[in-house]
PDB file of N, CA and C in Angstrom:
ATOM      1  N   MET A   1      37.579  14.131 -13.997  1.00  0.00           N
ATOM      2  CA  MET A   1      38.704  14.719 -13.287  1.00  0.00           C
ATOM      3  C   MET A   1      39.778  13.657 -13.077  1.00  0.00           C
ATOM      4  N   LEU A   2      40.977  13.978 -13.472  1.00  0.00           N
ATOM      5  CA  LEU A   2      42.087  13.050 -13.348  1.00  0.00           C
ATOM      6  C   LEU A   2      42.828  13.305 -12.038  1.00  0.00           C
ATOM      7  N   LEU A   3      42.922  12.279 -11.220  1.00  0.00           N
ATOM      8  CA  LEU A   3      43.645  12.409  -9.962  1.00  0.00           C
ATOM      9  C   LEU A   3      45.115  12.125 -10.188  1.00  0.00           C
ATOM     10  N   LYS A   4      45.969  12.862  -9.505  1.00  0.00           N
ATOM     11  CA  LYS A   4      47.402  12.636  -9.586  1.00  0.00           C
ATOM     12  C   LYS A   4      47.830  11.922  -8.311  1.00  0.00           C
ATOM     13  N   SER A   5      48.591  10.854  -8.478  1.00  0.00           N
ATOM     14  CA  SER A   5      49.046  10.125  -7.292  1.00  0.00           C
ATOM     15  C   SER A   5      50.351  10.721  -6.781  1.00  0.00           C
ATOM     16  N   GLU A   6      50.612  10.490  -5.506  1.00  0.00           N
ATOM     17  CA  GLU A   6      51.858  10.934  -4.882  1.00  0.00           C
ATOM     18  C   GLU A   6      52.271   9.892  -3.859  1.00  0.00           C
ATOM     19  N   PHE A   7      53.534   9.950  -3.452  1.00  0.00           N
ATOM     20  CA  PHE A   7      53.999   9.020  -2.426  1.00  0.00           C
ATOM     21  C   PHE A   7      53.733   9.620  -1.051  1.00  0.00           C
ATOM     22  N   VAL A   8      53.167   8.802  -0.164  1.00  0.00           N
ATOM     23  CA  VAL A   8      52.808   9.213   1.192  1.00  0.00           C
ATOM     24  C   VAL A   8      53.548   8.301   2.162  1.00  0.00           C
ATOM     25  N   ASN A   9      54.054   8.872   3.260  1.00  0.00           N
ATOM     26  CA  ASN A   9      54.701   8.056   4.288  1.00  0.00           C
ATOM     27  C   ASN A   9      53.660   7.163   4.953  1.00  0.00           C
ATOM     28  N   ILE A  10      53.946   5.878   4.993  1.00  0.00           N
ATOM     29  CA  ILE A  10      53.004   4.913   5.564  1.00  0.00           C
ATOM     30  C   ILE A  10      52.697   5.232   7.022  1.00  0.00           C
ATOM     31  N   ASN A  11      53.708   5.681   7.776  1.00  0.00           N
ATOM     32  CA  ASN A  11      53.475   5.953   9.197  1.00  0.00           C
ATOM     33  C   ASN A  11      52.643   7.213   9.432  1.00  0.00           C
ATOM     34  N   GLU A  12      52.281   7.931   8.365  1.00  0.00           N
ATOM     35  CA  GLU A  12      51.420   9.111   8.489  1.00  0.00           C
ATOM     36  C   GLU A  12      49.977   8.806   8.082  1.00  0.00           C
ATOM     37  N   ILE A  13      49.662   7.507   7.892  1.00  0.00           N
ATOM     38  CA  ILE A  13      48.319   7.116   7.465  1.00  0.00           C
ATOM     39  C   ILE A  13      47.582   6.457   8.627  1.00  0.00           C
ATOM     40  N   TYR A  14      46.453   7.039   8.999  1.00  0.00           N
ATOM     41  CA  TYR A  14      45.586   6.471  10.032  1.00  0.00           C
ATOM     42  C   TYR A  14      44.560   5.578   9.351  1.00  0.00           C
ATOM     43  N   VAL A  15      44.373   4.374   9.892  1.00  0.00           N
ATOM     44  CA  VAL A  15      43.396   3.433   9.345  1.00  0.00           C
ATOM     45  C   VAL A  15      42.203   3.371  10.297  1.00  0.00           C
ATOM     46  N   PRO A  16      41.044   3.919   9.899  1.00  0.00           N
ATOM     47  CA  PRO A  16      39.856   3.880  10.761  1.00  0.00           C
ATOM     48  C   PRO A  16      39.405   2.442  11.031  1.00  0.00           C
ATOM     49  N   ALA A  17      38.686   2.251  12.123  1.00  0.00           N
ATOM     50  CA  ALA A  17      38.229   0.913  12.525  1.00  0.00           C
ATOM     51  C   ALA A  17      37.445   0.216  11.419  1.00  0.00           C
ATOM     52  N   GLU A  18      36.582   0.953  10.715  1.00  0.00           N
ATOM     53  CA  GLU A  18      35.787   0.313   9.659  1.00  0.00           C
ATOM     54  C   GLU A  18      36.656  -0.178   8.506  1.00  0.00           C
ATOM     55  N   ARG A  19      37.789   0.476   8.255  1.00  0.00           N
ATOM     56  CA  ARG A  19      38.723  -0.005   7.221  1.00  0.00           C
ATOM     57  C   ARG A  19      39.501  -1.218   7.736  1.00  0.00           C
ATOM     58  N   ARG A  20      39.880  -1.213   9.021  1.00  0.00           N
ATOM     59  CA  ARG A  20      40.633  -2.353   9.584  1.00  0.00           C
ATOM     60  C   ARG A  20      39.828  -3.641   9.503  1.00  0.00           C
ATOM     61  N   LYS A  21      38.499  -3.530   9.600  1.00  0.00           N
ATOM     62  CA  LYS A  21      37.627  -4.709   9.505  1.00  0.00           C
ATOM     63  C   LYS A  21      37.707  -5.353   8.124  1.00  0.00           C
ATOM     64  N   GLU A  22      38.150  -4.597   7.122  1.00  0.00           N
ATOM     65  CA  GLU A  22      38.208  -5.085   5.744  1.00  0.00           C
ATOM     66  C   GLU A  22      39.498  -5.842   5.427  1.00  0.00           C
ATOM     67  N   ILE A  23      40.434  -5.904   6.380  1.00  0.00           N
ATOM     68  CA  ILE A  23      41.703  -6.593   6.129  1.00  0.00           C
ATOM     69  C   ILE A  23      41.445  -8.081   5.931  1.00  0.00           C
ATOM     70  N   GLN A  24      41.962  -8.605   4.822  1.00  0.00           N
ATOM     71  CA  GLN A  24      41.847 -10.024   4.497  1.00  0.00           C
ATOM     72  C   GLN A  24      43.261 -10.561   4.297  1.00  0.00           C
ATOM     73  N   PRO A  25      43.764 -11.369   5.249  1.00  0.00           N
ATOM     74  CA  PRO A  25      45.153 -11.843   5.173  1.00  0.00           C
ATOM     75  C   PRO A  25      45.534 -12.464   3.832  1.00  0.00           C
ATOM     76  N   GLU A  26      44.623 -13.217   3.215  1.00  0.00           N
ATOM     77  CA  GLU A  26      44.957 -13.838   1.926  1.00  0.00           C
ATOM     78  C   GLU A  26      45.115 -12.782   0.832  1.00  0.00           C
ATOM     79  N   LYS A  27      44.344 -11.702   0.908  1.00  0.00           N
ATOM     80  CA  LYS A  27      44.485 -10.610  -0.061  1.00  0.00           C
ATOM     81  C   LYS A  27      45.779  -9.844   0.185  1.00  0.00           C
ATOM     82  N   VAL A  28      46.126  -9.649   1.459  1.00  0.00           N
ATOM     83  CA  VAL A  28      47.369  -8.959   1.797  1.00  0.00           C
ATOM     84  C   VAL A  28      48.548  -9.737   1.220  1.00  0.00           C
ATOM     85  N   GLU A  29      48.538 -11.048   1.405  1.00  0.00           N
ATOM     86  CA  GLU A  29      49.617 -11.889   0.884  1.00  0.00           C
ATOM     87  C   GLU A  29      49.687 -11.821  -0.642  1.00  0.00           C
ATOM     88  N   ALA A  30      48.532 -11.893  -1.296  1.00  0.00           N
ATOM     89  CA  ALA A  30      48.499 -11.823  -2.762  1.00  0.00           C
ATOM     90  C   ALA A  30      48.985 -10.460  -3.258  1.00  0.00           C
ATOM     91  N   GLU A  31      48.584  -9.396  -2.573  1.00  0.00           N
ATOM     92  CA  GLU A  31      49.032  -8.049  -2.941  1.00  0.00           C
ATOM     93  C   GLU A  31      50.543  -7.929  -2.785  1.00  0.00           C
ATOM     94  N   ALA A  32      51.080  -8.467  -1.683  1.00  0.00           N
ATOM     95  CA  ALA A  32      52.525  -8.401  -1.447  1.00  0.00           C
ATOM     96  C   ALA A  32      53.281  -9.133  -2.551  1.00  0.00           C
ATOM     97  N   GLU A  33      52.798 -10.307  -2.929  1.00  0.00           N
ATOM     98  CA  GLU A  33      53.443 -11.060  -4.007  1.00  0.00           C
ATOM     99  C   GLU A  33      53.394 -10.281  -5.315  1.00  0.00           C
ATOM    100  N   ALA A  34      52.256  -9.672  -5.610  1.00  0.00           N
ATOM    101  CA  ALA A  34      52.121  -8.890  -6.841  1.00  0.00           C
ATOM    102  C   ALA A  34      53.052  -7.681  -6.822  1.00  0.00           C
ATOM    103  N   MET A  35      53.191  -7.047  -5.656  1.00  0.00           N
ATOM    104  CA  MET A  35      54.069  -5.880  -5.543  1.00  0.00           C
ATOM    105  C   MET A  35      55.527  -6.248  -5.778  1.00  0.00           C
ATOM    106  N   MET A  36      55.931  -7.434  -5.333  1.00  0.00           N
ATOM    107  CA  MET A  36      57.315  -7.865  -5.534  1.00  0.00           C
ATOM    108  C   MET A  36      57.598  -8.131  -7.011  1.00  0.00           C
ATOM    109  N   GLU A  37      56.583  -8.544  -7.755  1.00  0.00           N
ATOM    110  CA  GLU A  37      56.754  -8.857  -9.172  1.00  0.00           C
ATOM    111  C   GLU A  37      56.595  -7.632 -10.067  1.00  0.00           C
ATOM    112  N   ASP A  38      55.767  -6.684  -9.648  1.00  0.00           N
ATOM    113  CA  ASP A  38      55.437  -5.535 -10.490  1.00  0.00           C
ATOM    114  C   ASP A  38      55.282  -4.313  -9.607  1.00  0.00           C
ATOM    115  N   ASP A  39      56.125  -3.295  -9.835  1.00  0.00           N
ATOM    116  CA  ASP A  39      56.055  -2.116  -8.973  1.00  0.00           C
ATOM    117  C   ASP A  39      55.103  -1.047  -9.517  1.00  0.00           C
ATOM    118  N   ASP A  40      54.178  -1.430 -10.370  1.00  0.00           N
ATOM    119  CA  ASP A  40      53.186  -0.501 -10.912  1.00  0.00           C
ATOM    120  C   ASP A  40      51.826  -0.770 -10.263  1.00  0.00           C
ATOM    121  N   GLU A  41      51.801  -0.744  -8.926  1.00  0.00           N
ATOM    122  CA  GLU A  41      50.567  -1.085  -8.213  1.00  0.00           C
ATOM    123  C   GLU A  41      49.556   0.059  -8.245  1.00  0.00           C
ATOM    124  N   GLN A  42      48.311  -0.296  -8.053  1.00  0.00           N
ATOM    125  CA  GLN A  42      47.208   0.665  -7.990  1.00  0.00           C
ATOM    126  C   GLN A  42      47.369   1.510  -6.722  1.00  0.00           C
ATOM    127  N   PRO A  43      47.304   2.836  -6.831  1.00  0.00           N
ATOM    128  CA  PRO A  43      47.414   3.667  -5.629  1.00  0.00           C
ATOM    129  C   PRO A  43      46.239   3.454  -4.674  1.00  0.00           C
ATOM    130  N   ILE A  44      46.500   3.626  -3.386  1.00  0.00           N
ATOM    131  CA  ILE A  44      45.433   3.626  -2.395  1.00  0.00           C
ATOM    132  C   ILE A  44      44.788   5.010  -2.425  1.00  0.00           C
ATOM    133  N   GLN A  45      43.715   5.208  -1.661  1.00  0.00           N
ATOM    134  CA  GLN A  45      43.096   6.527  -1.550  1.00  0.00           C
ATOM    135  C   GLN A  45      43.131   6.966  -0.095  1.00  0.00           C
ATOM    136  N   VAL A  46      43.582   8.195   0.113  1.00  0.00           N
ATOM    137  CA  VAL A  46      43.609   8.792   1.443  1.00  0.00           C
ATOM    138  C   VAL A  46      43.008  10.190   1.347  1.00  0.00           C
ATOM    139  N   ARG A  47      42.595  10.699   2.492  1.00  0.00           N
ATOM    140  CA  ARG A  47      42.181  12.105   2.564  1.00  0.00           C
ATOM    141  C   ARG A  47      43.012  12.763   3.655  1.00  0.00           C
ATOM    142  N   ARG A  48      43.127  14.059   3.578  1.00  0.00           N
ATOM    143  CA  ARG A  48      43.901  14.778   4.593  1.00  0.00           C
ATOM    144  C   ARG A  48      43.075  14.888   5.872  1.00  0.00           C
ATOM    145  N   GLY A  49      43.699  14.504   6.975  1.00  0.00           N
ATOM    146  CA  GLY A  49      43.086  14.672   8.279  1.00  0.00           C
ATOM    147  C   GLY A  49      43.712  15.879   8.949  1.00  0.00           C
ATOM    148  N   LYS A  50      43.510  16.000  10.235  1.00  0.00           N
ATOM    149  CA  LYS A  50      44.035  17.149  10.973  1.00  0.00           C
ATOM    150  C   LYS A  50      45.561  17.213  10.920  1.00  0.00           C
ATOM    151  N   ASP A  51      46.223  16.114  11.270  1.00  0.00           N
ATOM    152  CA  ASP A  51      47.687  16.107  11.262  1.00  0.00           C
ATOM    153  C   ASP A  51      48.255  14.844  10.627  1.00  0.00           C
ATOM    154  N   ARG A  52      47.432  14.169   9.825  1.00  0.00           N
ATOM    155  CA  ARG A  52      47.858  12.942   9.156  1.00  0.00           C
ATOM    156  C   ARG A  52      46.888  12.652   8.023  1.00  0.00           C
ATOM    157  N   PHE A  53      47.174  11.611   7.291  1.00  0.00           N
ATOM    158  CA  PHE A  53      46.257  11.160   6.249  1.00  0.00           C
ATOM    159  C   PHE A  53      45.331  10.108   6.845  1.00  0.00           C
ATOM    160  N   VAL A  54      44.125  10.005   6.301  1.00  0.00           N
ATOM    161  CA  VAL A  54      43.151   9.007   6.735  1.00  0.00           C
ATOM    162  C   VAL A  54      42.861   8.110   5.536  1.00  0.00           C
ATOM    163  N   LEU A  55      42.993   6.798   5.731  1.00  0.00           N
ATOM    164  CA  LEU A  55      42.760   5.856   4.651  1.00  0.00           C
ATOM    165  C   LEU A  55      41.295   5.854   4.232  1.00  0.00           C
ATOM    166  N   VAL A  56      41.049   5.958   2.928  1.00  0.00           N
ATOM    167  CA  VAL A  56      39.699   5.887   2.372  1.00  0.00           C
ATOM    168  C   VAL A  56      39.486   4.502   1.764  1.00  0.00           C
ATOM    169  N   SER A  57      40.450   4.034   0.970  1.00  0.00           N
ATOM    170  CA  SER A  57      40.369   2.686   0.401  1.00  0.00           C
ATOM    171  C   SER A  57      41.772   2.164   0.118  1.00  0.00           C
ATOM    172  N   GLY A  58      41.877   0.824   0.106  1.00  0.00           N
ATOM    173  CA  GLY A  58      43.163   0.193  -0.186  1.00  0.00           C
ATOM    174  C   GLY A  58      43.851  -0.393   1.028  1.00  0.00           C
ATOM    175  N   VAL A  59      43.077  -0.810   2.035  1.00  0.00           N
ATOM    176  CA  VAL A  59      43.676  -1.306   3.275  1.00  0.00           C
ATOM    177  C   VAL A  59      44.557  -2.533   3.041  1.00  0.00           C
ATOM    178  N   ASN A  60      44.175  -3.420   2.133  1.00  0.00           N
ATOM    179  CA  ASN A  60      44.990  -4.615   1.902  1.00  0.00           C
ATOM    180  C   ASN A  60      46.310  -4.270   1.209  1.00  0.00           C
ATOM    181  N   ARG A  61      46.282  -3.298   0.279  1.00  0.00           N
ATOM    182  CA  ARG A  61      47.535  -2.843  -0.351  1.00  0.00           C
ATOM    183  C   ARG A  61      48.425  -2.168   0.680  1.00  0.00           C
ATOM    184  N   LEU A  62      47.819  -1.384   1.577  1.00  0.00           N
ATOM    185  CA  LEU A  62      48.591  -0.721   2.624  1.00  0.00           C
ATOM    186  C   LEU A  62      49.255  -1.753   3.529  1.00  0.00           C
ATOM    187  N   GLU A  63      48.497  -2.757   3.964  1.00  0.00           N
ATOM    188  CA  GLU A  63      49.054  -3.796   4.835  1.00  0.00           C
ATOM    189  C   GLU A  63      50.145  -4.590   4.121  1.00  0.00           C
ATOM    190  N   ALA A  64      49.977  -4.835   2.819  1.00  0.00           N
ATOM    191  CA  ALA A  64      50.999  -5.546   2.043  1.00  0.00           C
ATOM    192  C   ALA A  64      52.284  -4.726   1.990  1.00  0.00           C
ATOM    193  N   SER A  65      52.158  -3.425   1.801  1.00  0.00           N
ATOM    194  CA  SER A  65      53.337  -2.558   1.769  1.00  0.00           C
ATOM    195  C   SER A  65      54.056  -2.567   3.111  1.00  0.00           C
ATOM    196  N   LYS A  66      53.284  -2.537   4.196  1.00  0.00           N
ATOM    197  CA  LYS A  66      53.881  -2.620   5.536  1.00  0.00           C
ATOM    198  C   LYS A  66      54.628  -3.934   5.702  1.00  0.00           C
ATOM    199  N   ALA A  67      54.007  -5.039   5.263  1.00  0.00           N
ATOM    200  CA  ALA A  67      54.618  -6.364   5.400  1.00  0.00           C
ATOM    201  C   ALA A  67      55.929  -6.457   4.625  1.00  0.00           C
ATOM    202  N   LEU A  68      56.030  -5.721   3.524  1.00  0.00           N
ATOM    203  CA  LEU A  68      57.248  -5.729   2.714  1.00  0.00           C
ATOM    204  C   LEU A  68      58.296  -4.754   3.236  1.00  0.00           C
ATOM    205  N   GLY A  69      57.964  -4.023   4.299  1.00  0.00           N
ATOM    206  CA  GLY A  69      58.922  -3.089   4.879  1.00  0.00           C
ATOM    207  C   GLY A  69      59.020  -1.759   4.148  1.00  0.00           C
ATOM    208  N   GLU A  70      58.028  -1.466   3.319  1.00  0.00           N
ATOM    209  CA  GLU A  70      58.028  -0.195   2.591  1.00  0.00           C
ATOM    210  C   GLU A  70      57.791   0.961   3.564  1.00  0.00           C
ATOM    211  N   GLU A  71      58.371   2.120   3.256  1.00  0.00           N
ATOM    212  CA  GLU A  71      58.169   3.303   4.082  1.00  0.00           C
ATOM    213  C   GLU A  71      57.168   4.265   3.469  1.00  0.00           C
ATOM    214  N   THR A  72      56.990   4.175   2.146  1.00  0.00           N
ATOM    215  CA  THR A  72      56.035   5.036   1.454  1.00  0.00           C
ATOM    216  C   THR A  72      55.131   4.177   0.580  1.00  0.00           C
ATOM    217  N   ILE A  73      53.999   4.766   0.188  1.00  0.00           N
ATOM    218  CA  ILE A  73      53.059   4.087  -0.702  1.00  0.00           C
ATOM    219  C   ILE A  73      52.454   5.130  -1.631  1.00  0.00           C
ATOM    220  N   ARG A  74      52.208   4.719  -2.859  1.00  0.00           N
ATOM    221  CA  ARG A  74      51.580   5.628  -3.826  1.00  0.00           C
ATOM    222  C   ARG A  74      50.099   5.770  -3.459  1.00  0.00           C
ATOM    223  N   ALA A  75      49.624   7.021  -3.427  1.00  0.00           N
ATOM    224  CA  ALA A  75      48.240   7.281  -3.011  1.00  0.00           C
ATOM    225  C   ALA A  75      47.636   8.431  -3.799  1.00  0.00           C
ATOM    226  N   TYR A  76      46.321   8.348  -3.972  1.00  0.00           N
ATOM    227  CA  TYR A  76      45.539   9.481  -4.446  1.00  0.00           C
ATOM    228  C   TYR A  76      45.054  10.200  -3.198  1.00  0.00           C
ATOM    229  N   VAL A  77      45.302  11.500  -3.117  1.00  0.00           N
ATOM    230  CA  VAL A  77      44.795  12.290  -1.998  1.00  0.00           C
ATOM    231  C   VAL A  77      43.475  12.896  -2.461  1.00  0.00           C
ATOM    232  N   VAL A  78      42.384  12.384  -1.891  1.00  0.00           N
ATOM    233  CA  VAL A  78      41.047  12.810  -2.302  1.00  0.00           C
ATOM    234  C   VAL A  78      40.483  13.790  -1.286  1.00  0.00           C
ATOM    235  N   GLY A  79      39.565  14.622  -1.738  1.00  0.00           N
ATOM    236  CA  GLY A  79      39.016  15.642  -0.864  1.00  0.00           C
ATOM    237  C   GLY A  79      37.746  15.237  -0.149  1.00  0.00           C
ATOM    238  N   ALA A  80      36.996  14.319  -0.729  1.00  0.00           N
ATOM    239  CA  ALA A  80      35.689  13.976  -0.174  1.00  0.00           C
ATOM    240  C   ALA A  80      35.762  12.758   0.722  1.00  0.00           C
ATOM    241  N   ARG A  81      34.891  12.735   1.693  1.00  0.00           N
ATOM    242  CA  ARG A  81      34.738  11.558   2.550  1.00  0.00           C
ATOM    243  C   ARG A  81      33.766  10.609   1.890  1.00  0.00           C
ATOM    244  N   LEU A  82      34.045   9.318   1.996  1.00  0.00           N
ATOM    245  CA  LEU A  82      33.105   8.317   1.508  1.00  0.00           C
ATOM    246  C   LEU A  82      32.292   7.820   2.686  1.00  0.00           C
ATOM    247  N   HIS A  83      30.973   7.853   2.564  1.00  0.00           N
ATOM    248  CA  HIS A  83      30.105   7.391   3.660  1.00  0.00           C
ATOM    249  C   HIS A  83      29.465   6.096   3.287  1.00  0.00           C
TER     250      HIS A  83
END
């Protein structure tokens, strides 16, 4: 199954505590540098929550986008929860 990516507003993405624990400042910095050089970044994964999106994977890319002042990020909207 091929997933189609779409742009999602960063301020509509909730980052669960277990995803926040995965933030690595050196990875965030490296991701930000890569994003400035190449705008063909790997989409993050989110799922639809009640009134927002919930981050499934890609916390360092999300944080890098925030650091760069981006308002949207490319994401795959997935249906299943990862446990």
